[in-house]
Amino acid sequence: MSGDHGHAHGGVAGNPADHRRRLAVVLALTATVLVVEVIGAVVSGSLALLADAGHMLTDTAGLGIALIAATLALRPATPRRTWGYRRAEVLGATLQAAALLAVGAYVLIEGVRRLFQPEEVATTAVLIFGVVGLVANAIGIFILTRGGRSSNVNMRAAFLEVLNDTLGSVAVLASAVVITLTGWQRADAVASLFIAVLIIPRTIKLLRETVSVLLETTPPGLDLAGVREHLLGVPHVLDVHDLHASQITTELPVLTAHVVVEDSCFLDGHAPQVLDQLQACLTEHFSVSIEHSTFQLESPAHALHELAAHD
């Protein structure tokens, strides 16, 4: 006997259609800034502006991936894909993070080179194009913040990219001001290194999180040993095995388990009550909200003919 329990949370912040609209607007803004900054980098000769333009290029591709993922997430579940395309947002965020990591490494290497071989920068052009980028990124942050940017890793990845772009624009402007006031050309390389420092650590953290979901590791904050202990404390439960927990997406954890109960539960009709108690146990004792749980109730004799691969 088995039972499944699941529920969904609504709200604007978690609405994939709303995510898609906001991502489309931010993508248009980012693509526009990309063109502007490429022109500015060519005109001014600024590495910092070119690095920020390169970051923008990656972000434009990344936001495009995020938009595709958000669109796929709207597609319903089918008998072939029982979770629909919910994991598309994780795949999209993983691709974004990997691309960002490559850009961060390039900027870091080129920035170090420019420290030893500084090149002259046209600061007036850098200031003009930097301001354009800063304003556009600030608008993008506002749009994503209002759109529930923490609701899933796809939106978080998009927000992270726009936030990094904003800080990069600030660094570009700061380098132009320093060069204008002091003539210290290496400020451009320092700004580039700052952008790289912004990109790499946060990107690694995001990449670890998305890969963790793809590898179906236990959701963060969920202690499976504690779960097993609480389930064993439910009346009539004799053993718990094949206990697994993972995430379909970052906001959709799932748990399955085989639960051995007393034979009398199947004879006196008490099994449904045990199932309710097991599901209530997950709800009451753990901070991680288990959206979907499935328990297979078994008699003690069932273990005699189960596959040896079961734990």
C-alpha atoms as a PDB file:
ATOM      1  CA  MET A   1       0.000   0.000   0.000  1.00  0.00           C
ATOM      2  CA  SER A   2       1.340   3.402  -0.863  1.00  0.00           C
ATOM      3  CA  GLY A   3       0.211   6.964  -0.543  1.00  0.00           C
ATOM      4  CA  ASP A   4       1.170  10.275  -2.073  1.00  0.00           C
ATOM      5  CA  HIS A   5       0.772  13.704  -0.590  1.00  0.00           C
ATOM      6  CA  GLY A   6       1.383  16.963  -2.374  1.00  0.00           C
ATOM      7  CA  HIS A   7       0.309  20.568  -2.522  1.00  0.00           C
ATOM      8  CA  ALA A   8       1.276  23.669  -4.463  1.00  0.00           C
ATOM      9  CA  HIS A   9       1.866  27.213  -3.321  1.00  0.00           C
ATOM     10  CA  GLY A  10       0.456  30.038  -5.356  1.00  0.00           C
ATOM     11  CA  GLY A  11       1.239  33.723  -5.471  1.00  0.00           C
ATOM     12  CA  VAL A  12       2.604  36.206  -7.900  1.00  0.00           C
ATOM     13  CA  ALA A  13       6.180  35.732  -6.826  1.00  0.00           C
ATOM     14  CA  GLY A  14       6.109  32.102  -7.897  1.00  0.00           C
ATOM     15  CA  ASN A  15       4.154  32.567 -11.122  1.00  0.00           C
ATOM     16  CA  PRO A  16       6.203  31.262 -14.083  1.00  0.00           C
ATOM     17  CA  ALA A  17       4.214  33.415 -16.529  1.00  0.00           C
ATOM     18  CA  ASP A  18       5.077  36.515 -14.502  1.00  0.00           C
ATOM     19  CA  HIS A  19       8.719  35.403 -14.403  1.00  0.00           C
ATOM     20  CA  ARG A  20       8.715  35.120 -18.185  1.00  0.00           C
ATOM     21  CA  ARG A  21       7.359  38.639 -18.731  1.00  0.00           C
ATOM     22  CA  ARG A  22       9.889  40.202 -16.398  1.00  0.00           C
ATOM     23  CA  LEU A  23      12.771  38.225 -17.864  1.00  0.00           C
ATOM     24  CA  ALA A  24      11.792  39.382 -21.370  1.00  0.00           C
ATOM     25  CA  VAL A  25      11.932  43.031 -20.316  1.00  0.00           C
ATOM     26  CA  VAL A  26      15.282  42.613 -18.556  1.00  0.00           C
ATOM     27  CA  LEU A  27      16.672  40.708 -21.544  1.00  0.00           C
ATOM     28  CA  ALA A  28      15.771  43.605 -23.851  1.00  0.00           C
ATOM     29  CA  LEU A  29      17.448  46.080 -21.486  1.00  0.00           C
ATOM     30  CA  THR A  30      20.597  43.966 -21.175  1.00  0.00           C
ATOM     31  CA  ALA A  31      20.915  43.468 -24.920  1.00  0.00           C
ATOM     32  CA  THR A  32      20.618  47.221 -25.431  1.00  0.00           C
ATOM     33  CA  VAL A  33      23.317  47.952 -22.857  1.00  0.00           C
ATOM     34  CA  LEU A  34      25.533  45.318 -24.476  1.00  0.00           C
ATOM     35  CA  VAL A  35      25.489  47.150 -27.808  1.00  0.00           C
ATOM     36  CA  VAL A  36      26.093  50.498 -26.102  1.00  0.00           C
ATOM     37  CA  GLU A  37      29.037  49.214 -24.049  1.00  0.00           C
ATOM     38  CA  VAL A  38      30.716  47.481 -26.994  1.00  0.00           C
ATOM     39  CA  ILE A  39      30.635  50.791 -28.857  1.00  0.00           C
ATOM     40  CA  GLY A  40      31.914  52.572 -25.759  1.00  0.00           C
ATOM     41  CA  ALA A  41      34.767  50.099 -25.255  1.00  0.00           C
ATOM     42  CA  VAL A  42      35.897  50.515 -28.876  1.00  0.00           C
ATOM     43  CA  VAL A  43      35.753  54.302 -28.647  1.00  0.00           C
ATOM     44  CA  SER A  44      37.433  54.630 -25.233  1.00  0.00           C
ATOM     45  CA  GLY A  45      39.847  51.679 -25.200  1.00  0.00           C
ATOM     46  CA  SER A  46      38.715  50.812 -21.651  1.00  0.00           C
ATOM     47  CA  LEU A  47      39.293  47.210 -20.541  1.00  0.00           C
ATOM     48  CA  ALA A  48      36.851  47.686 -17.683  1.00  0.00           C
ATOM     49  CA  LEU A  49      34.135  48.757 -20.099  1.00  0.00           C
ATOM     50  CA  LEU A  50      35.046  45.927 -22.479  1.00  0.00           C
ATOM     51  CA  ALA A  51      34.997  43.452 -19.572  1.00  0.00           C
ATOM     52  CA  ASP A  52      31.586  44.733 -18.545  1.00  0.00           C
ATOM     53  CA  ALA A  53      30.430  44.418 -22.166  1.00  0.00           C
ATOM     54  CA  GLY A  54      31.704  40.834 -22.219  1.00  0.00           C
ATOM     55  CA  HIS A  55      29.820  40.209 -19.023  1.00  0.00           C
ATOM     56  CA  MET A  56      26.757  41.726 -20.659  1.00  0.00           C
ATOM     57  CA  LEU A  57      27.173  39.420 -23.655  1.00  0.00           C
ATOM     58  CA  THR A  58      27.168  36.402 -21.377  1.00  0.00           C
ATOM     59  CA  ASP A  59      24.239  37.813 -19.434  1.00  0.00           C
ATOM     60  CA  THR A  60      22.257  38.370 -22.611  1.00  0.00           C
ATOM     61  CA  ALA A  61      22.745  34.708 -23.501  1.00  0.00           C
ATOM     62  CA  GLY A  62      22.081  33.686 -19.897  1.00  0.00           C
ATOM     63  CA  LEU A  63      18.891  35.708 -19.652  1.00  0.00           C
ATOM     64  CA  GLY A  64      17.819  34.224 -22.978  1.00  0.00           C
ATOM     65  CA  ILE A  65      18.331  30.761 -21.478  1.00  0.00           C
ATOM     66  CA  ALA A  66      16.392  31.853 -18.375  1.00  0.00           C
ATOM     67  CA  LEU A  67      13.531  33.092 -20.552  1.00  0.00           C
ATOM     68  CA  ILE A  68      13.427  29.789 -22.440  1.00  0.00           C
ATOM     69  CA  ALA A  69      13.481  27.895 -19.130  1.00  0.00           C
ATOM     70  CA  ALA A  70      10.648  30.010 -17.723  1.00  0.00           C
ATOM     71  CA  THR A  71       8.644  29.349 -20.889  1.00  0.00           C
ATOM     72  CA  LEU A  72       9.241  25.601 -20.680  1.00  0.00           C
ATOM     73  CA  ALA A  73       8.175  25.651 -17.021  1.00  0.00           C
ATOM     74  CA  LEU A  74       4.681  26.676 -18.176  1.00  0.00           C
ATOM     75  CA  ARG A  75       4.245  23.456 -20.117  1.00  0.00           C
ATOM     76  CA  PRO A  76       2.029  20.918 -18.289  1.00  0.00           C
ATOM     77  CA  ALA A  77       3.051  17.492 -17.057  1.00  0.00           C
ATOM     78  CA  THR A  78       2.501  14.563 -19.402  1.00  0.00           C
ATOM     79  CA  PRO A  79       2.578  10.778 -19.003  1.00  0.00           C
ATOM     80  CA  ARG A  80       6.072  10.884 -20.535  1.00  0.00           C
ATOM     81  CA  ARG A  81       7.305  13.839 -18.424  1.00  0.00           C
ATOM     82  CA  THR A  82       5.416  13.532 -15.170  1.00  0.00           C
ATOM     83  CA  TRP A  83       6.994  16.667 -13.673  1.00  0.00           C
ATOM     84  CA  GLY A  84       6.575  18.624 -16.895  1.00  0.00           C
ATOM     85  CA  TYR A  85       9.599  20.826 -17.579  1.00  0.00           C
ATOM     86  CA  ARG A  86      10.017  22.025 -14.008  1.00  0.00           C
ATOM     87  CA  ARG A  87      13.723  21.134 -14.007  1.00  0.00           C
ATOM     88  CA  ALA A  88      14.345  23.368 -17.033  1.00  0.00           C
ATOM     89  CA  GLU A  89      14.976  26.282 -14.677  1.00  0.00           C
ATOM     90  CA  VAL A  90      17.768  24.336 -12.980  1.00  0.00           C
ATOM     91  CA  LEU A  91      19.377  23.450 -16.303  1.00  0.00           C
ATOM     92  CA  GLY A  92      19.097  27.073 -17.410  1.00  0.00           C
ATOM     93  CA  ALA A  93      20.692  28.357 -14.216  1.00  0.00           C
ATOM     94  CA  THR A  94      23.516  25.818 -14.538  1.00  0.00           C
ATOM     95  CA  LEU A  95      24.331  26.982 -18.065  1.00  0.00           C
ATOM     96  CA  GLN A  96      24.239  30.612 -16.934  1.00  0.00           C
ATOM     97  CA  ALA A  97      26.563  29.925 -14.014  1.00  0.00           C
ATOM     98  CA  ALA A  98      29.039  27.995 -16.165  1.00  0.00           C
ATOM     99  CA  ALA A  99      29.170  30.810 -18.734  1.00  0.00           C
ATOM    100  CA  LEU A 100      29.576  33.446 -16.025  1.00  0.00           C
ATOM    101  CA  LEU A 101      32.449  31.490 -14.518  1.00  0.00           C
ATOM    102  CA  ALA A 102      34.266  31.468 -17.862  1.00  0.00           C
ATOM    103  CA  VAL A 103      33.784  35.217 -18.262  1.00  0.00           C
ATOM    104  CA  GLY A 104      35.020  35.849 -14.737  1.00  0.00           C
ATOM    105  CA  ALA A 105      38.195  33.859 -15.389  1.00  0.00           C
ATOM    106  CA  TYR A 106      38.886  35.763 -18.618  1.00  0.00           C
ATOM    107  CA  VAL A 107      38.417  39.154 -16.972  1.00  0.00           C
ATOM    108  CA  LEU A 108      40.667  38.116 -14.092  1.00  0.00           C
ATOM    109  CA  ILE A 109      43.514  37.068 -16.409  1.00  0.00           C
ATOM    110  CA  GLU A 110      43.213  40.115 -18.654  1.00  0.00           C
ATOM    111  CA  GLY A 111      42.997  42.441 -15.659  1.00  0.00           C
ATOM    112  CA  VAL A 112      46.253  41.102 -14.241  1.00  0.00           C
ATOM    113  CA  ARG A 113      47.919  41.611 -17.617  1.00  0.00           C
ATOM    114  CA  ARG A 114      46.718  45.223 -17.759  1.00  0.00           C
ATOM    115  CA  LEU A 115      48.197  45.901 -14.332  1.00  0.00           C
ATOM    116  CA  PHE A 116      51.643  45.318 -15.811  1.00  0.00           C
ATOM    117  CA  GLN A 117      50.858  46.752 -19.244  1.00  0.00           C
ATOM    118  CA  PRO A 118      48.387  49.622 -18.698  1.00  0.00           C
ATOM    119  CA  GLU A 119      46.780  51.187 -21.754  1.00  0.00           C
ATOM    120  CA  GLU A 120      45.442  54.708 -22.158  1.00  0.00           C
ATOM    121  CA  VAL A 121      41.704  55.088 -21.626  1.00  0.00           C
ATOM    122  CA  ALA A 122      39.358  57.811 -22.957  1.00  0.00           C
ATOM    123  CA  THR A 123      37.601  58.581 -19.694  1.00  0.00           C
ATOM    124  CA  THR A 124      34.866  60.860 -21.060  1.00  0.00           C
ATOM    125  CA  ALA A 125      33.479  58.093 -23.245  1.00  0.00           C
ATOM    126  CA  VAL A 126      33.761  55.607 -20.357  1.00  0.00           C
ATOM    127  CA  LEU A 127      31.740  57.929 -18.106  1.00  0.00           C
ATOM    128  CA  ILE A 128      28.997  58.388 -20.680  1.00  0.00           C
ATOM    129  CA  PHE A 129      28.603  54.728 -21.566  1.00  0.00           C
ATOM    130  CA  GLY A 130      29.043  53.663 -17.931  1.00  0.00           C
ATOM    131  CA  VAL A 131      26.140  55.840 -16.821  1.00  0.00           C
ATOM    132  CA  VAL A 132      23.914  54.343 -19.530  1.00  0.00           C
ATOM    133  CA  GLY A 133      24.764  50.841 -18.301  1.00  0.00           C
ATOM    134  CA  LEU A 134      24.211  51.752 -14.660  1.00  0.00           C
ATOM    135  CA  VAL A 135      20.758  53.219 -15.289  1.00  0.00           C
ATOM    136  CA  ALA A 136      19.634  50.246 -17.396  1.00  0.00           C
ATOM    137  CA  ASN A 137      20.879  47.740 -14.814  1.00  0.00           C
ATOM    138  CA  ALA A 138      19.165  49.602 -11.995  1.00  0.00           C
ATOM    139  CA  ILE A 139      15.894  49.328 -13.907  1.00  0.00           C
ATOM    140  CA  GLY A 140      16.530  45.598 -14.430  1.00  0.00           C
ATOM    141  CA  ILE A 141      17.122  45.051 -10.693  1.00  0.00           C
ATOM    142  CA  PHE A 142      13.880  46.869  -9.884  1.00  0.00           C
ATOM    143  CA  ILE A 143      11.927  44.693 -12.317  1.00  0.00           C
ATOM    144  CA  LEU A 144      13.380  41.390 -11.062  1.00  0.00           C
ATOM    145  CA  THR A 145      13.024  42.351  -7.388  1.00  0.00           C
ATOM    146  CA  ARG A 146       9.328  43.044  -7.875  1.00  0.00           C
ATOM    147  CA  GLY A 147       9.023  39.745  -9.724  1.00  0.00           C
ATOM    148  CA  GLY A 148      10.025  37.406  -6.898  1.00  0.00           C
ATOM    149  CA  ARG A 149      13.717  37.049  -7.720  1.00  0.00           C
ATOM    150  CA  SER A 150      14.281  34.528  -4.873  1.00  0.00           C
ATOM    151  CA  SER A 151      11.478  32.151  -5.857  1.00  0.00           C
ATOM    152  CA  ASN A 152      13.721  29.780  -7.855  1.00  0.00           C
ATOM    153  CA  VAL A 153      17.317  29.456  -9.022  1.00  0.00           C
ATOM    154  CA  ASN A 154      16.431  30.554 -12.540  1.00  0.00           C
ATOM    155  CA  MET A 155      15.198  33.942 -11.301  1.00  0.00           C
ATOM    156  CA  ARG A 156      18.036  34.128  -8.787  1.00  0.00           C
ATOM    157  CA  ALA A 157      20.576  33.516 -11.539  1.00  0.00           C
ATOM    158  CA  ALA A 158      19.018  36.271 -13.629  1.00  0.00           C
ATOM    159  CA  PHE A 159      18.999  38.646 -10.657  1.00  0.00           C
ATOM    160  CA  LEU A 160      22.603  37.741  -9.857  1.00  0.00           C
ATOM    161  CA  GLU A 161      23.706  38.564 -13.378  1.00  0.00           C
ATOM    162  CA  VAL A 162      21.970  41.946 -13.414  1.00  0.00           C
ATOM    163  CA  LEU A 163      23.281  42.774  -9.926  1.00  0.00           C
ATOM    164  CA  ASN A 164      26.819  41.916 -10.977  1.00  0.00           C
ATOM    165  CA  ASP A 165      26.372  44.078 -14.067  1.00  0.00           C
ATOM    166  CA  THR A 166      25.253  46.980 -11.888  1.00  0.00           C
ATOM    167  CA  LEU A 167      28.252  46.688  -9.596  1.00  0.00           C
ATOM    168  CA  GLY A 168      30.444  46.344 -12.672  1.00  0.00           C
ATOM    169  CA  SER A 169      29.021  49.588 -14.056  1.00  0.00           C
ATOM    170  CA  VAL A 170      29.810  51.292 -10.750  1.00  0.00           C
ATOM    171  CA  ALA A 171      33.389  49.981 -10.941  1.00  0.00           C
ATOM    172  CA  VAL A 172      33.715  51.237 -14.524  1.00  0.00           C
ATOM    173  CA  LEU A 173      32.545  54.705 -13.530  1.00  0.00           C
ATOM    174  CA  ALA A 174      34.849  54.755 -10.504  1.00  0.00           C
ATOM    175  CA  SER A 175      37.857  53.840 -12.648  1.00  0.00           C
ATOM    176  CA  ALA A 176      37.044  56.626 -15.113  1.00  0.00           C
ATOM    177  CA  VAL A 177      36.800  59.153 -12.297  1.00  0.00           C
ATOM    178  CA  VAL A 178      40.138  58.032 -10.815  1.00  0.00           C
ATOM    179  CA  ILE A 179      41.889  58.209 -14.182  1.00  0.00           C
ATOM    180  CA  THR A 180      40.413  61.655 -14.870  1.00  0.00           C
ATOM    181  CA  LEU A 181      41.500  63.052 -11.496  1.00  0.00           C
ATOM    182  CA  THR A 182      44.877  61.337 -11.091  1.00  0.00           C
ATOM    183  CA  GLY A 183      45.916  60.016 -14.497  1.00  0.00           C
ATOM    184  CA  TRP A 184      46.510  56.543 -12.976  1.00  0.00           C
ATOM    185  CA  GLN A 185      45.683  54.294 -15.952  1.00  0.00           C
ATOM    186  CA  ARG A 186      45.908  51.114 -13.916  1.00  0.00           C
ATOM    187  CA  ALA A 187      42.578  52.026 -12.304  1.00  0.00           C
ATOM    188  CA  ASP A 188      40.943  50.499 -15.373  1.00  0.00           C
ATOM    189  CA  ALA A 189      42.632  47.142 -14.671  1.00  0.00           C
ATOM    190  CA  VAL A 190      41.728  47.353 -10.978  1.00  0.00           C
ATOM    191  CA  ALA A 191      38.079  47.898 -11.908  1.00  0.00           C
ATOM    192  CA  SER A 192      38.252  44.858 -14.192  1.00  0.00           C
ATOM    193  CA  LEU A 193      39.637  42.714 -11.382  1.00  0.00           C
ATOM    194  CA  PHE A 194      36.871  43.973  -9.113  1.00  0.00           C
ATOM    195  CA  ILE A 195      34.299  42.829 -11.661  1.00  0.00           C
ATOM    196  CA  ALA A 196      35.965  39.406 -11.782  1.00  0.00           C
ATOM    197  CA  VAL A 197      35.865  39.145  -7.985  1.00  0.00           C
ATOM    198  CA  LEU A 198      32.155  39.923  -8.106  1.00  0.00           C
ATOM    199  CA  ILE A 199      31.475  37.275 -10.719  1.00  0.00           C
ATOM    200  CA  ILE A 200      33.472  34.234  -9.602  1.00  0.00           C
ATOM    201  CA  PRO A 201      32.533  33.494  -5.933  1.00  0.00           C
ATOM    202  CA  ARG A 202      28.789  34.016  -6.372  1.00  0.00           C
ATOM    203  CA  THR A 203      28.818  32.019  -9.578  1.00  0.00           C
ATOM    204  CA  ILE A 204      30.572  29.075  -7.931  1.00  0.00           C
ATOM    205  CA  LYS A 205      27.962  29.103  -5.144  1.00  0.00           C
ATOM    206  CA  LEU A 206      25.108  29.093  -7.652  1.00  0.00           C
ATOM    207  CA  LEU A 207      26.764  26.366  -9.726  1.00  0.00           C
ATOM    208  CA  ARG A 208      27.181  24.155  -6.655  1.00  0.00           C
ATOM    209  CA  GLU A 209      23.506  24.599  -5.799  1.00  0.00           C
ATOM    210  CA  THR A 210      22.214  23.761  -9.261  1.00  0.00           C
ATOM    211  CA  VAL A 211      24.534  20.766  -9.668  1.00  0.00           C
ATOM    212  CA  SER A 212      23.350  19.553  -6.267  1.00  0.00           C
ATOM    213  CA  VAL A 213      19.765  19.562  -7.552  1.00  0.00           C
ATOM    214  CA  LEU A 214      20.752  17.762 -10.750  1.00  0.00           C
ATOM    215  CA  LEU A 215      22.598  15.106  -8.721  1.00  0.00           C
ATOM    216  CA  GLU A 216      19.456  14.685  -6.592  1.00  0.00           C
ATOM    217  CA  THR A 217      21.213  15.280  -3.293  1.00  0.00           C
ATOM    218  CA  THR A 218      19.213  15.682  -0.100  1.00  0.00           C
ATOM    219  CA  PRO A 219      17.614  19.153   0.141  1.00  0.00           C
ATOM    220  CA  PRO A 220      19.660  21.580   2.275  1.00  0.00           C
ATOM    221  CA  GLY A 221      18.463  21.702   5.865  1.00  0.00           C
ATOM    222  CA  LEU A 222      16.797  18.287   5.774  1.00  0.00           C
ATOM    223  CA  ASP A 223      18.360  15.689   8.083  1.00  0.00           C
ATOM    224  CA  LEU A 224      17.388  12.259   6.743  1.00  0.00           C
ATOM    225  CA  ALA A 225      18.603  10.560   9.924  1.00  0.00           C
ATOM    226  CA  GLY A 226      16.219  12.783  11.868  1.00  0.00           C
ATOM    227  CA  VAL A 227      13.420  12.034   9.415  1.00  0.00           C
ATOM    228  CA  ARG A 228      13.966   8.289   9.844  1.00  0.00           C
ATOM    229  CA  GLU A 229      13.972   8.649  13.635  1.00  0.00           C
ATOM    230  CA  HIS A 230      10.672  10.540  13.658  1.00  0.00           C
ATOM    231  CA  LEU A 231       9.018   8.125  11.237  1.00  0.00           C
ATOM    232  CA  LEU A 232      10.073   5.193  13.428  1.00  0.00           C
ATOM    233  CA  GLY A 233       8.374   6.943  16.325  1.00  0.00           C
ATOM    234  CA  VAL A 234       4.962   6.740  14.647  1.00  0.00           C
ATOM    235  CA  PRO A 235       2.787   4.050  16.314  1.00  0.00           C
ATOM    236  CA  HIS A 236       2.742   0.664  14.556  1.00  0.00           C
ATOM    237  CA  VAL A 237       5.853   1.477  12.461  1.00  0.00           C
ATOM    238  CA  LEU A 238       8.486  -1.270  12.706  1.00  0.00           C
ATOM    239  CA  ASP A 239      11.093  -0.161  10.177  1.00  0.00           C
ATOM    240  CA  VAL A 240      11.867   2.475   7.542  1.00  0.00           C
ATOM    241  CA  HIS A 241      14.031   1.734   4.515  1.00  0.00           C
ATOM    242  CA  ASP A 242      14.598   3.037   0.991  1.00  0.00           C
ATOM    243  CA  LEU A 243      14.319   6.555   2.395  1.00  0.00           C
ATOM    244  CA  HIS A 244      15.193   9.085  -0.305  1.00  0.00           C
ATOM    245  CA  ALA A 245      14.839  12.864  -0.555  1.00  0.00           C
ATOM    246  CA  SER A 246      15.753  15.109  -3.467  1.00  0.00           C
ATOM    247  CA  GLN A 247      14.567  18.183  -5.347  1.00  0.00           C
ATOM    248  CA  ILE A 248      12.848  18.435  -8.709  1.00  0.00           C
ATOM    249  CA  THR A 249      13.646  22.156  -8.575  1.00  0.00           C
ATOM    250  CA  THR A 250      14.914  24.300  -5.723  1.00  0.00           C
ATOM    251  CA  GLU A 251      11.371  25.013  -4.532  1.00  0.00           C
ATOM    252  CA  LEU A 252      10.036  21.470  -5.005  1.00  0.00           C
ATOM    253  CA  PRO A 253      11.540  18.898  -2.590  1.00  0.00           C
ATOM    254  CA  VAL A 254      10.251  15.319  -2.703  1.00  0.00           C
ATOM    255  CA  LEU A 255      10.592  12.375  -0.320  1.00  0.00           C
ATOM    256  CA  THR A 256       9.885   8.664  -0.687  1.00  0.00           C
ATOM    257  CA  ALA A 257      10.181   5.785   1.777  1.00  0.00           C
ATOM    258  CA  HIS A 258       9.210   2.177   2.360  1.00  0.00           C
ATOM    259  CA  VAL A 259       7.628   1.838   5.793  1.00  0.00           C
ATOM    260  CA  VAL A 260       7.173  -1.527   7.468  1.00  0.00           C
ATOM    261  CA  VAL A 261       4.118  -1.614   9.729  1.00  0.00           C
ATOM    262  CA  GLU A 262       2.470  -4.255  11.881  1.00  0.00           C
ATOM    263  CA  ASP A 263       0.357  -6.871  10.081  1.00  0.00           C
ATOM    264  CA  SER A 264      -2.664  -5.809  12.117  1.00  0.00           C
ATOM    265  CA  CYS A 265      -2.735  -2.444  10.262  1.00  0.00           C
ATOM    266  CA  PHE A 266      -3.741  -4.226   7.068  1.00  0.00           C
ATOM    267  CA  LEU A 267      -6.324  -6.401   8.850  1.00  0.00           C
ATOM    268  CA  ASP A 268      -8.198  -3.800  10.900  1.00  0.00           C
ATOM    269  CA  GLY A 269      -8.094  -0.967   8.321  1.00  0.00           C
ATOM    270  CA  HIS A 270      -5.674   1.108  10.372  1.00  0.00           C
ATOM    271  CA  ALA A 271      -3.163   1.591   7.512  1.00  0.00           C
ATOM    272  CA  PRO A 272      -4.715   4.846   6.175  1.00  0.00           C
ATOM    273  CA  GLN A 273      -4.392   6.411   9.632  1.00  0.00           C
ATOM    274  CA  VAL A 274      -0.721   5.412   9.785  1.00  0.00           C
ATOM    275  CA  LEU A 275      -0.205   7.044   6.398  1.00  0.00           C
ATOM    276  CA  ASP A 276      -1.796  10.265   7.653  1.00  0.00           C
ATOM    277  CA  GLN A 277       0.460  10.213  10.705  1.00  0.00           C
ATOM    278  CA  LEU A 278       3.572   9.720   8.581  1.00  0.00           C
ATOM    279  CA  GLN A 279       2.711  12.692   6.397  1.00  0.00           C
ATOM    280  CA  ALA A 280       1.817  14.820   9.430  1.00  0.00           C
ATOM    281  CA  CYS A 281       5.199  13.918  10.913  1.00  0.00           C
ATOM    282  CA  LEU A 282       6.972  15.491   7.916  1.00  0.00           C
ATOM    283  CA  THR A 283       4.871  18.641   8.190  1.00  0.00           C
ATOM    284  CA  GLU A 284       5.249  19.188  11.930  1.00  0.00           C
ATOM    285  CA  HIS A 285       8.872  18.366  12.711  1.00  0.00           C
ATOM    286  CA  PHE A 286      10.985  19.695   9.847  1.00  0.00           C
ATOM    287  CA  SER A 287      11.744  23.193   8.580  1.00  0.00           C
ATOM    288  CA  VAL A 288      11.986  22.043   4.961  1.00  0.00           C
ATOM    289  CA  SER A 289       8.503  21.923   3.463  1.00  0.00           C
ATOM    290  CA  ILE A 290       8.084  18.598   1.638  1.00  0.00           C
ATOM    291  CA  GLU A 291       5.795  19.377  -1.280  1.00  0.00           C
ATOM    292  CA  HIS A 292       5.389  15.749  -2.329  1.00  0.00           C
ATOM    293  CA  SER A 293       5.871  12.678  -0.155  1.00  0.00           C
ATOM    294  CA  THR A 294       5.211   9.058  -1.096  1.00  0.00           C
ATOM    295  CA  PHE A 295       5.170   6.216   1.439  1.00  0.00           C
ATOM    296  CA  GLN A 296       4.930   2.539   0.579  1.00  0.00           C
ATOM    297  CA  LEU A 297       3.449   0.649   3.518  1.00  0.00           C
ATOM    298  CA  GLU A 298       4.667  -2.944   3.817  1.00  0.00           C
ATOM    299  CA  SER A 299       4.115  -5.923   6.066  1.00  0.00           C
ATOM    300  CA  PRO A 300       7.162  -7.494   7.785  1.00  0.00           C
ATOM    301  CA  ALA A 301       6.992 -10.482   5.408  1.00  0.00           C
ATOM    302  CA  HIS A 302       7.334  -8.248   2.357  1.00  0.00           C
ATOM    303  CA  ALA A 303      11.088  -7.873   2.942  1.00  0.00           C
ATOM    304  CA  LEU A 304      11.584 -11.552   2.140  1.00  0.00           C
ATOM    305  CA  HIS A 305      10.954 -11.018  -1.561  1.00  0.00           C
ATOM    306  CA  GLU A 306      12.181  -7.454  -2.100  1.00  0.00           C
ATOM    307  CA  LEU A 307      15.111  -6.784  -4.400  1.00  0.00           C
ATOM    308  CA  ALA A 308      18.511  -7.037  -2.754  1.00  0.00           C
ATOM    309  CA  ALA A 309      19.411  -3.568  -4.073  1.00  0.00           C
ATOM    310  CA  HIS A 310      16.982  -1.953  -1.633  1.00  0.00           C
ATOM    311  CA  ASP A 311      18.580  -0.360   1.411  1.00  0.00           C
END
